Amino acid sequence: MPAIAAVSDAPLSLDAHVAAVARPSHGAVATFIGLVRDHDPSVEGEVVGLDYSAHPDAGALVARIVAEVEAAHGAVIALTHRTGLLGVGDVAIVAAAASAHRAEAFAACREAVERVKAELPVWKREILADGSHTWVGVV
């Protein structure tokens, strides 16, 4: 059962995610923080923000993904993806994975993030400095 598996419009805390996975039996915690950056190589112009939106079922899907990764790696995972309007430098995704050993913690953290990025129905609209915007990953 995931420690945290969510999609949220509230600011994210790395400390809260680490605390959610910490156990006396764990010797390793691997973390990932995804930040909004000021550029996108596929878009001309300075990025000043991202507006994330999610399908209503996104929370249930992230919980399923995290539970599957936990089972595969013998880890405990806390992962949340943000929604709403975020500025450059804001935290868009946080993941923490804990296990008895570092190899499993690193593998679980990476797989959880990669699967969420590939499978979660979350879309982003890039807001550019000139006021224009573009949808990313939407066909």
C-alpha atoms as a PDB file:
ATOM      1  CA  MET A   1       0.000   0.000   0.000  1.00  0.00           C
ATOM      2  CA  PRO A   2       1.591   3.312  -1.082  1.00  0.00           C
ATOM      3  CA  ALA A   3       2.596   5.720   1.652  1.00  0.00           C
ATOM      4  CA  ILE A   4       1.440   8.577  -0.580  1.00  0.00           C
ATOM      5  CA  ALA A   5       0.090   8.310  -4.124  1.00  0.00           C
ATOM      6  CA  ALA A   6      -1.655  11.456  -5.236  1.00  0.00           C
ATOM      7  CA  VAL A   7      -2.370  14.205  -7.700  1.00  0.00           C
ATOM      8  CA  SER A   8      -2.714  17.524  -5.877  1.00  0.00           C
ATOM      9  CA  ASP A   9      -3.004  21.248  -6.452  1.00  0.00           C
ATOM     10  CA  ALA A  10      -1.224  21.950  -3.134  1.00  0.00           C
ATOM     11  CA  PRO A  11       2.509  22.708  -2.892  1.00  0.00           C
ATOM     12  CA  LEU A  12       4.629  19.576  -2.433  1.00  0.00           C
ATOM     13  CA  SER A  13       7.057  18.824   0.384  1.00  0.00           C
ATOM     14  CA  LEU A  14      10.046  16.538  -0.038  1.00  0.00           C
ATOM     15  CA  ASP A  15      10.299  16.228   3.755  1.00  0.00           C
ATOM     16  CA  ALA A  16       6.703  14.969   3.990  1.00  0.00           C
ATOM     17  CA  HIS A  17       7.340  12.351   1.310  1.00  0.00           C
ATOM     18  CA  VAL A  18      10.556  11.136   2.963  1.00  0.00           C
ATOM     19  CA  ALA A  19       8.834  10.965   6.355  1.00  0.00           C
ATOM     20  CA  ALA A  20       6.007   8.923   4.811  1.00  0.00           C
ATOM     21  CA  VAL A  21       8.373   6.173   3.637  1.00  0.00           C
ATOM     22  CA  ALA A  22      10.898   6.074   6.489  1.00  0.00           C
ATOM     23  CA  ARG A  23      10.874   2.833   8.487  1.00  0.00           C
ATOM     24  CA  PRO A  24      13.365   1.382  10.995  1.00  0.00           C
ATOM     25  CA  SER A  25      13.988  -1.501   8.566  1.00  0.00           C
ATOM     26  CA  HIS A  26      14.953   0.824   5.706  1.00  0.00           C
ATOM     27  CA  GLY A  27      18.581   1.646   5.117  1.00  0.00           C
ATOM     28  CA  ALA A  28      17.993   3.710   1.994  1.00  0.00           C
ATOM     29  CA  VAL A  29      15.681   6.439   0.741  1.00  0.00           C
ATOM     30  CA  ALA A  30      15.989   7.628  -2.858  1.00  0.00           C
ATOM     31  CA  THR A  31      14.234  10.826  -3.901  1.00  0.00           C
ATOM     32  CA  PHE A  32      13.317  12.745  -7.018  1.00  0.00           C
ATOM     33  CA  ILE A  33      12.080  16.312  -7.374  1.00  0.00           C
ATOM     34  CA  GLY A  34      10.874  17.568 -10.750  1.00  0.00           C
ATOM     35  CA  LEU A  35      11.011  21.357 -11.122  1.00  0.00           C
ATOM     36  CA  VAL A  36       9.484  23.715 -13.659  1.00  0.00           C
ATOM     37  CA  ARG A  37      12.333  24.962 -15.858  1.00  0.00           C
ATOM     38  CA  ASP A  38      12.551  28.184 -17.874  1.00  0.00           C
ATOM     39  CA  HIS A  39      12.892  26.547 -21.270  1.00  0.00           C
ATOM     40  CA  ASP A  40      11.778  23.694 -23.460  1.00  0.00           C
ATOM     41  CA  PRO A  41      14.105  22.658 -26.286  1.00  0.00           C
ATOM     42  CA  SER A  42      11.106  21.996 -28.550  1.00  0.00           C
ATOM     43  CA  VAL A  43       9.586  25.466 -28.068  1.00  0.00           C
ATOM     44  CA  GLU A  44      11.006  28.826 -29.075  1.00  0.00           C
ATOM     45  CA  GLY A  45      10.809  31.367 -26.268  1.00  0.00           C
ATOM     46  CA  GLU A  46      11.240  31.592 -22.511  1.00  0.00           C
ATOM     47  CA  VAL A  47       8.919  29.443 -20.404  1.00  0.00           C
ATOM     48  CA  VAL A  48       7.509  31.356 -17.412  1.00  0.00           C
ATOM     49  CA  GLY A  49       5.088  28.724 -16.142  1.00  0.00           C
ATOM     50  CA  LEU A  50       3.282  25.454 -16.626  1.00  0.00           C
ATOM     51  CA  ASP A  51      -0.421  24.837 -16.165  1.00  0.00           C
ATOM     52  CA  TYR A  52      -1.037  21.175 -15.315  1.00  0.00           C
ATOM     53  CA  SER A  53      -4.446  19.537 -15.574  1.00  0.00           C
ATOM     54  CA  ALA A  54      -5.379  15.942 -14.814  1.00  0.00           C
ATOM     55  CA  HIS A  55      -8.058  13.449 -15.735  1.00  0.00           C
ATOM     56  CA  PRO A  56     -10.466  12.780 -12.828  1.00  0.00           C
ATOM     57  CA  ASP A  57      -9.125   9.205 -12.563  1.00  0.00           C
ATOM     58  CA  ALA A  58      -5.476  10.296 -12.316  1.00  0.00           C
ATOM     59  CA  GLY A  59      -5.322   9.811  -8.533  1.00  0.00           C
ATOM     60  CA  ALA A  60      -6.488   6.198  -8.776  1.00  0.00           C
ATOM     61  CA  LEU A  61      -4.030   5.504 -11.589  1.00  0.00           C
ATOM     62  CA  VAL A  62      -1.040   6.929  -9.717  1.00  0.00           C
ATOM     63  CA  ALA A  63      -1.991   4.754  -6.736  1.00  0.00           C
ATOM     64  CA  ARG A  64      -2.065   1.658  -8.968  1.00  0.00           C
ATOM     65  CA  ILE A  65       1.281   2.493 -10.582  1.00  0.00           C
ATOM     66  CA  VAL A  66       2.936   3.122  -7.224  1.00  0.00           C
ATOM     67  CA  ALA A  67       1.514  -0.082  -5.724  1.00  0.00           C
ATOM     68  CA  GLU A  68       2.804  -2.117  -8.680  1.00  0.00           C
ATOM     69  CA  VAL A  69       6.282  -0.588  -8.422  1.00  0.00           C
ATOM     70  CA  GLU A  70       6.348  -1.163  -4.667  1.00  0.00           C
ATOM     71  CA  ALA A  71       5.509  -4.842  -5.164  1.00  0.00           C
ATOM     72  CA  ALA A  72       8.110  -5.259  -7.894  1.00  0.00           C
ATOM     73  CA  HIS A  73      10.932  -3.728  -5.837  1.00  0.00           C
ATOM     74  CA  GLY A  74      10.027  -4.493  -2.237  1.00  0.00           C
ATOM     75  CA  ALA A  75       9.946  -0.766  -1.509  1.00  0.00           C
ATOM     76  CA  VAL A  76       7.656   1.800   0.038  1.00  0.00           C
ATOM     77  CA  ILE A  77       6.923   4.784  -2.201  1.00  0.00           C
ATOM     78  CA  ALA A  78       5.452   8.241  -1.733  1.00  0.00           C
ATOM     79  CA  LEU A  79       4.718  10.104  -4.978  1.00  0.00           C
ATOM     80  CA  THR A  80       2.640  13.171  -5.788  1.00  0.00           C
ATOM     81  CA  HIS A  81       2.185  15.055  -9.065  1.00  0.00           C
ATOM     82  CA  ARG A  82       1.027  18.670  -8.966  1.00  0.00           C
ATOM     83  CA  THR A  83      -1.775  20.250 -10.931  1.00  0.00           C
ATOM     84  CA  GLY A  84      -2.600  23.897 -11.482  1.00  0.00           C
ATOM     85  CA  LEU A  85      -0.465  26.861 -12.494  1.00  0.00           C
ATOM     86  CA  LEU A  86       3.199  26.555 -11.473  1.00  0.00           C
ATOM     87  CA  GLY A  87       5.977  29.075 -11.953  1.00  0.00           C
ATOM     88  CA  VAL A  88       9.598  28.474 -12.889  1.00  0.00           C
ATOM     89  CA  GLY A  89      11.324  26.727  -9.979  1.00  0.00           C
ATOM     90  CA  ASP A  90       8.111  25.314  -8.516  1.00  0.00           C
ATOM     91  CA  VAL A  91       7.979  21.603  -7.677  1.00  0.00           C
ATOM     92  CA  ALA A  92       5.865  19.632 -10.176  1.00  0.00           C
ATOM     93  CA  ILE A  93       6.481  16.086  -8.895  1.00  0.00           C
ATOM     94  CA  VAL A  94       8.023  14.540  -5.785  1.00  0.00           C
ATOM     95  CA  ALA A  95       8.881  10.891  -5.252  1.00  0.00           C
ATOM     96  CA  ALA A  96      10.556   9.092  -2.373  1.00  0.00           C
ATOM     97  CA  ALA A  97      11.236   5.364  -2.299  1.00  0.00           C
ATOM     98  CA  ALA A  98      12.603   3.485   0.696  1.00  0.00           C
ATOM     99  CA  SER A  99      13.880  -0.044   1.070  1.00  0.00           C
ATOM    100  CA  ALA A 100      16.425  -2.038   2.996  1.00  0.00           C
ATOM    101  CA  HIS A 101      19.116  -1.381   0.361  1.00  0.00           C
ATOM    102  CA  ARG A 102      19.964   1.491  -2.001  1.00  0.00           C
ATOM    103  CA  ALA A 103      19.734  -0.451  -5.263  1.00  0.00           C
ATOM    104  CA  GLU A 104      16.065  -1.246  -4.696  1.00  0.00           C
ATOM    105  CA  ALA A 105      15.308   2.289  -3.493  1.00  0.00           C
ATOM    106  CA  PHE A 106      16.936   3.875  -6.569  1.00  0.00           C
ATOM    107  CA  ALA A 107      15.246   1.427  -8.949  1.00  0.00           C
ATOM    108  CA  ALA A 108      11.818   1.888  -7.364  1.00  0.00           C
ATOM    109  CA  CYS A 109      12.055   5.677  -7.352  1.00  0.00           C
ATOM    110  CA  ARG A 110      13.147   5.828 -10.982  1.00  0.00           C
ATOM    111  CA  GLU A 111      10.550   3.324 -12.211  1.00  0.00           C
ATOM    112  CA  ALA A 112       7.722   5.054 -10.352  1.00  0.00           C
ATOM    113  CA  VAL A 113       8.627   8.457 -11.815  1.00  0.00           C
ATOM    114  CA  GLU A 114       9.131   7.099 -15.340  1.00  0.00           C
ATOM    115  CA  ARG A 115       5.823   5.225 -15.281  1.00  0.00           C
ATOM    116  CA  VAL A 116       3.920   8.218 -13.928  1.00  0.00           C
ATOM    117  CA  LYS A 117       5.427  10.471 -16.598  1.00  0.00           C
ATOM    118  CA  ALA A 118       4.537   7.942 -19.322  1.00  0.00           C
ATOM    119  CA  GLU A 119       1.131   6.718 -18.123  1.00  0.00           C
ATOM    120  CA  LEU A 120      -0.543   9.321 -15.927  1.00  0.00           C
ATOM    121  CA  PRO A 121      -3.249  11.361 -17.694  1.00  0.00           C
ATOM    122  CA  VAL A 122      -1.780  14.744 -16.747  1.00  0.00           C
ATOM    123  CA  TRP A 123      -1.360  17.421 -19.391  1.00  0.00           C
ATOM    124  CA  LYS A 124       0.701  20.587 -19.325  1.00  0.00           C
ATOM    125  CA  ARG A 125       0.303  23.912 -21.048  1.00  0.00           C
ATOM    126  CA  GLU A 126       3.510  25.919 -21.287  1.00  0.00           C
ATOM    127  CA  ILE A 127       3.109  29.631 -20.715  1.00  0.00           C
ATOM    128  CA  LEU A 128       5.736  31.687 -22.558  1.00  0.00           C
ATOM    129  CA  ALA A 129       7.145  35.107 -21.663  1.00  0.00           C
ATOM    130  CA  ASP A 130       5.414  36.718 -24.662  1.00  0.00           C
ATOM    131  CA  GLY A 131       2.017  35.595 -23.318  1.00  0.00           C
ATOM    132  CA  SER A 132       1.549  32.766 -25.779  1.00  0.00           C
ATOM    133  CA  HIS A 133       1.089  29.176 -24.725  1.00  0.00           C
ATOM    134  CA  THR A 134       1.465  25.709 -26.121  1.00  0.00           C
ATOM    135  CA  TRP A 135       0.176  22.319 -25.021  1.00  0.00           C
ATOM    136  CA  VAL A 136       2.934  19.764 -24.471  1.00  0.00           C
ATOM    137  CA  GLY A 137       2.394  16.056 -25.041  1.00  0.00           C
ATOM    138  CA  VAL A 138      -1.150  16.511 -26.330  1.00  0.00           C
ATOM    139  CA  VAL A 139      -2.012  15.201 -29.770  1.00  0.00           C
END
